[in-house]
């Protein structure tokens, strides 16, 4: 699915009916509120409630721009198996840059 596809303006999450974000490189639609990814297979979004899989806030395209050190963040988080919360990401963004 391409970023300029007009369907992106009307597609919503099947669970909370909120807007979805096209995940890079267009292989999934992402719901940042529920942190769920819905795959796009052969250009067709799979928007059944059971087709969603847990996503991570770390790989939200908007957060990637906001947190340029995103590739280093997973090593700084506890190995809980859970996605980082917005509070954890905000705290990490205040750390001094590694040189």
N, C-alpha and C. Protein backbone atom coordinates (compact mmCIF):
# COMPACT_ATOMS: atom_id res chain seq x y z
N UNK A 1 0.85 -1.17 0.00
CA UNK A 1 0.00 0.00 0.00
C UNK A 1 0.90 1.23 0.00
N UNK A 2 0.54 2.20 -0.79
CA UNK A 2 1.35 3.42 -0.91
C UNK A 2 0.81 4.52 0.00
N UNK A 3 1.69 5.43 0.46
CA UNK A 3 1.26 6.50 1.37
C UNK A 3 0.20 7.43 0.79
N UNK A 4 0.12 7.55 -0.54
CA UNK A 4 -0.86 8.45 -1.14
C UNK A 4 -2.17 7.75 -1.49
N UNK A 5 -2.36 6.53 -1.03
CA UNK A 5 -3.59 5.79 -1.31
C UNK A 5 -4.76 6.48 -0.61
N UNK A 6 -5.82 6.84 -1.35
CA UNK A 6 -6.95 7.54 -0.74
C UNK A 6 -7.69 6.71 0.31
N UNK A 7 -7.53 5.40 0.28
CA UNK A 7 -8.18 4.56 1.29
C UNK A 7 -7.68 4.84 2.70
N UNK A 8 -6.45 5.33 2.81
CA UNK A 8 -5.89 5.59 4.14
C UNK A 8 -6.70 6.62 4.92
N UNK A 9 -7.43 7.47 4.23
CA UNK A 9 -8.25 8.49 4.92
C UNK A 9 -9.52 7.90 5.52
N UNK A 10 -9.95 6.72 5.02
CA UNK A 10 -11.22 6.17 5.51
C UNK A 10 -11.06 4.85 6.27
N UNK A 11 -9.90 4.20 6.16
CA UNK A 11 -9.70 2.95 6.90
C UNK A 11 -9.53 3.24 8.38
N UNK A 12 -10.16 2.41 9.21
CA UNK A 12 -10.07 2.58 10.67
C UNK A 12 -9.76 1.23 11.31
N UNK A 13 -9.31 1.28 12.53
CA UNK A 13 -9.04 0.07 13.30
C UNK A 13 -10.36 -0.64 13.58
N UNK A 14 -10.42 -1.96 13.39
CA UNK A 14 -11.66 -2.68 13.65
C UNK A 14 -12.02 -2.75 15.13
N UNK A 15 -11.09 -2.47 16.01
CA UNK A 15 -11.37 -2.55 17.44
C UNK A 15 -11.85 -1.24 18.04
N UNK A 16 -11.12 -0.14 17.80
CA UNK A 16 -11.51 1.14 18.41
C UNK A 16 -12.04 2.16 17.41
N UNK A 17 -12.09 1.78 16.14
CA UNK A 17 -12.64 2.63 15.06
C UNK A 17 -11.86 3.93 14.86
N UNK A 18 -10.64 3.99 15.39
CA UNK A 18 -9.79 5.16 15.22
C UNK A 18 -8.95 5.07 13.97
N UNK A 19 -8.30 6.18 13.57
CA UNK A 19 -7.47 6.19 12.36
C UNK A 19 -6.23 5.31 12.52
N UNK A 20 -5.72 4.87 11.37
CA UNK A 20 -4.53 4.03 11.32
C UNK A 20 -3.41 4.77 10.61
N UNK A 21 -2.18 4.42 10.91
CA UNK A 21 -0.99 5.02 10.30
C UNK A 21 -0.33 3.95 9.44
N UNK A 22 0.09 4.34 8.25
CA UNK A 22 0.81 3.41 7.38
C UNK A 22 2.21 3.21 7.94
N UNK A 23 2.52 1.97 8.28
CA UNK A 23 3.83 1.63 8.82
C UNK A 23 4.80 1.48 7.67
N UNK A 24 6.05 1.81 7.90
CA UNK A 24 7.02 1.69 6.82
C UNK A 24 7.36 0.23 6.59
N UNK A 25 7.61 -0.22 5.45
CA UNK A 25 7.50 0.43 4.13
C UNK A 25 6.15 0.16 3.47
N UNK A 26 5.06 0.33 4.19
CA UNK A 26 3.74 0.10 3.63
C UNK A 26 3.27 -1.34 3.77
N UNK A 27 3.91 -2.08 4.68
CA UNK A 27 3.56 -3.49 4.84
C UNK A 27 2.54 -3.72 5.94
N UNK A 28 2.14 -2.65 6.64
CA UNK A 28 1.18 -2.79 7.73
C UNK A 28 0.53 -1.45 8.02
N UNK A 29 -0.64 -1.52 8.65
CA UNK A 29 -1.31 -0.34 9.19
C UNK A 29 -1.18 -0.44 10.70
N UNK A 30 -0.91 0.69 11.34
CA UNK A 30 -0.59 0.69 12.76
C UNK A 30 -1.58 1.55 13.53
N UNK A 31 -2.06 1.02 14.67
CA UNK A 31 -2.91 1.77 15.58
C UNK A 31 -2.06 2.11 16.81
N UNK A 32 -1.61 3.38 16.94
CA UNK A 32 -0.75 3.73 18.07
C UNK A 32 -1.48 3.72 19.42
N UNK A 33 -2.79 3.85 19.41
CA UNK A 33 -3.54 3.86 20.67
C UNK A 33 -3.56 2.47 21.30
N UNK A 34 -3.77 1.44 20.48
CA UNK A 34 -3.80 0.06 20.97
C UNK A 34 -2.49 -0.68 20.73
N UNK A 35 -1.56 -0.01 20.03
CA UNK A 35 -0.27 -0.60 19.66
C UNK A 35 -0.46 -1.93 18.94
N UNK A 36 -1.30 -1.88 17.90
CA UNK A 36 -1.57 -3.08 17.09
C UNK A 36 -1.25 -2.79 15.64
N UNK A 37 -0.67 -3.80 14.98
CA UNK A 37 -0.34 -3.72 13.56
C UNK A 37 -1.26 -4.66 12.80
N UNK A 38 -1.76 -4.17 11.68
CA UNK A 38 -2.59 -4.97 10.78
C UNK A 38 -1.83 -5.12 9.48
N UNK A 39 -1.51 -6.36 9.08
CA UNK A 39 -0.70 -6.56 7.87
C UNK A 39 -1.41 -6.12 6.60
N UNK A 40 -0.62 -5.69 5.64
CA UNK A 40 -1.11 -5.40 4.29
C UNK A 40 -0.48 -6.47 3.40
N UNK A 41 -1.32 -7.34 2.84
CA UNK A 41 -0.85 -8.45 2.02
C UNK A 41 -1.29 -8.24 0.58
N UNK A 42 -0.33 -8.18 -0.32
CA UNK A 42 -0.61 -7.92 -1.75
C UNK A 42 -1.44 -6.65 -1.92
N UNK A 43 -1.15 -5.63 -1.10
CA UNK A 43 -1.84 -4.35 -1.20
C UNK A 43 -3.20 -4.31 -0.54
N UNK A 44 -3.61 -5.41 0.12
CA UNK A 44 -4.94 -5.48 0.75
C UNK A 44 -4.77 -5.48 2.27
N UNK A 45 -5.30 -4.45 2.96
CA UNK A 45 -5.20 -4.42 4.42
C UNK A 45 -6.04 -5.54 5.04
N UNK A 46 -5.47 -6.23 6.00
CA UNK A 46 -6.16 -7.30 6.73
C UNK A 46 -6.71 -6.69 8.01
N UNK A 47 -7.95 -6.21 7.96
CA UNK A 47 -8.50 -5.45 9.08
C UNK A 47 -9.54 -6.20 9.89
N UNK A 48 -9.39 -7.50 10.00
CA UNK A 48 -10.25 -8.26 10.91
C UNK A 48 -9.69 -8.12 12.32
N UNK A 49 -10.55 -8.09 13.34
CA UNK A 49 -10.04 -7.93 14.71
C UNK A 49 -8.96 -8.94 15.07
N UNK A 50 -9.09 -10.18 14.61
CA UNK A 50 -8.11 -11.21 14.94
C UNK A 50 -6.84 -11.13 14.10
N UNK A 51 -6.84 -10.32 13.04
CA UNK A 51 -5.66 -10.24 12.18
C UNK A 51 -4.61 -9.29 12.74
N UNK A 52 -4.98 -8.48 13.72
CA UNK A 52 -4.02 -7.55 14.31
C UNK A 52 -3.03 -8.27 15.19
N UNK A 53 -1.82 -7.77 15.23
CA UNK A 53 -0.78 -8.34 16.08
C UNK A 53 -0.20 -7.23 16.93
N UNK A 54 0.30 -7.57 18.12
CA UNK A 54 0.89 -6.53 18.96
C UNK A 54 2.03 -5.84 18.24
N UNK A 55 2.02 -4.54 18.29
CA UNK A 55 3.11 -3.74 17.73
C UNK A 55 3.87 -3.10 18.86
N UNK A 56 4.85 -2.35 18.54
CA UNK A 56 5.65 -1.68 19.55
C UNK A 56 5.69 -0.19 19.26
N UNK A 57 5.57 0.60 20.30
CA UNK A 57 5.68 2.05 20.13
C UNK A 57 7.05 2.43 19.61
N UNK A 58 8.03 1.57 19.82
CA UNK A 58 9.38 1.88 19.36
C UNK A 58 9.45 2.02 17.85
N UNK A 59 8.59 1.33 17.13
CA UNK A 59 8.67 1.34 15.68
C UNK A 59 7.55 2.13 15.02
N UNK A 60 6.85 2.93 15.79
CA UNK A 60 5.86 3.83 15.23
C UNK A 60 6.59 4.86 14.38
N UNK A 61 6.23 4.99 13.10
CA UNK A 61 6.98 5.92 12.24
C UNK A 61 7.03 7.35 12.78
N UNK A 62 5.96 7.82 13.42
CA UNK A 62 6.00 9.18 13.97
C UNK A 62 6.99 9.28 15.11
N UNK A 63 7.07 8.26 15.96
CA UNK A 63 8.03 8.29 17.06
C UNK A 63 9.45 8.15 16.55
N UNK A 64 9.65 7.45 15.45
CA UNK A 64 11.00 7.30 14.90
C UNK A 64 11.56 8.68 14.57
N UNK A 65 10.73 9.56 14.05
CA UNK A 65 11.20 10.92 13.75
C UNK A 65 11.41 11.70 15.04
N UNK A 66 10.57 11.46 16.02
CA UNK A 66 10.67 12.19 17.27
C UNK A 66 11.85 11.72 18.12
N UNK A 67 12.18 10.44 18.03
CA UNK A 67 13.26 9.86 18.81
C UNK A 67 14.32 9.32 17.86
N UNK A 68 15.28 10.15 17.44
CA UNK A 68 16.26 9.72 16.45
C UNK A 68 17.19 8.61 16.92
N UNK A 69 17.26 8.34 18.21
CA UNK A 69 18.13 7.27 18.70
C UNK A 69 17.37 5.96 18.85
N UNK A 70 16.31 5.81 18.09
CA UNK A 70 15.41 4.67 18.24
C UNK A 70 16.12 3.32 18.19
N UNK A 71 17.17 3.19 17.38
CA UNK A 71 17.84 1.90 17.27
C UNK A 71 18.58 1.52 18.54
N UNK A 72 18.93 2.48 19.38
CA UNK A 72 19.62 2.18 20.63
C UNK A 72 18.68 1.94 21.79
N UNK A 73 17.44 2.30 21.66
CA UNK A 73 16.50 2.22 22.77
C UNK A 73 16.25 0.79 23.26
N UNK A 74 16.07 -0.21 22.39
CA UNK A 74 15.75 -1.54 22.92
C UNK A 74 16.78 -2.06 23.93
N UNK A 75 18.04 -1.72 23.78
CA UNK A 75 19.05 -2.18 24.72
C UNK A 75 18.92 -1.49 26.08
N UNK A 76 18.28 -0.34 26.12
CA UNK A 76 18.15 0.41 27.37
C UNK A 76 16.91 0.03 28.17
N UNK A 77 16.01 -0.73 27.57
CA UNK A 77 14.77 -1.08 28.24
C UNK A 77 14.89 -2.43 28.94
N UNK A 78 14.15 -2.62 30.03
CA UNK A 78 14.17 -3.93 30.68
C UNK A 78 13.59 -4.98 29.75
N UNK A 79 14.05 -6.20 29.90
CA UNK A 79 13.60 -7.29 29.03
C UNK A 79 12.28 -7.84 29.56
N UNK A 80 11.24 -7.03 29.51
CA UNK A 80 9.94 -7.44 30.04
C UNK A 80 9.07 -8.10 28.98
N UNK A 81 9.43 -7.94 27.71
CA UNK A 81 8.60 -8.48 26.65
C UNK A 81 7.44 -7.58 26.29
N UNK A 82 7.29 -6.47 26.99
CA UNK A 82 6.21 -5.53 26.72
C UNK A 82 6.75 -4.33 25.95
N UNK A 83 5.90 -3.70 25.11
CA UNK A 83 6.35 -2.48 24.42
C UNK A 83 6.64 -1.38 25.44
N UNK A 84 7.53 -0.51 25.08
CA UNK A 84 7.85 0.63 25.93
C UNK A 84 6.65 1.56 26.02
N UNK A 85 6.41 2.10 27.19
CA UNK A 85 5.33 3.07 27.35
C UNK A 85 5.79 4.42 26.84
N UNK A 86 4.85 5.31 26.61
CA UNK A 86 5.19 6.66 26.17
C UNK A 86 6.05 7.36 27.21
N UNK A 87 5.80 7.08 28.50
CA UNK A 87 6.59 7.69 29.57
C UNK A 87 8.04 7.21 29.52
N UNK A 88 8.25 5.90 29.26
CA UNK A 88 9.62 5.39 29.15
C UNK A 88 10.34 6.03 27.98
N UNK A 89 9.65 6.16 26.86
CA UNK A 89 10.28 6.78 25.69
C UNK A 89 10.61 8.24 25.95
N UNK A 90 9.72 8.95 26.63
CA UNK A 90 9.97 10.36 26.93
C UNK A 90 11.18 10.49 27.85
N UNK A 91 11.29 9.59 28.85
CA UNK A 91 12.43 9.64 29.76
C UNK A 91 13.73 9.36 29.01
N UNK A 92 13.71 8.43 28.07
CA UNK A 92 14.91 8.11 27.31
C UNK A 92 15.33 9.26 26.40
N UNK A 93 14.37 10.04 25.95
CA UNK A 93 14.70 11.13 25.03
C UNK A 93 15.48 12.24 25.72
N UNK A 94 15.50 12.24 27.06
CA UNK A 94 16.23 13.27 27.79
C UNK A 94 17.65 12.82 28.15
N UNK A 95 18.00 11.58 27.82
CA UNK A 95 19.36 11.10 28.10
C UNK A 95 20.36 11.81 27.20
N UNK A 96 21.58 12.03 27.68
CA UNK A 96 22.60 12.64 26.81
C UNK A 96 22.93 11.70 25.66
N UNK A 97 23.27 12.27 24.53
CA UNK A 97 23.60 11.48 23.35
C UNK A 97 24.91 10.75 23.56
N UNK A 98 24.97 9.50 23.09
CA UNK A 98 26.21 8.72 23.16
C UNK A 98 27.12 9.13 22.02
N UNK A 99 28.40 9.27 22.29
CA UNK A 99 29.36 9.66 21.24
C UNK A 99 30.36 8.58 21.00
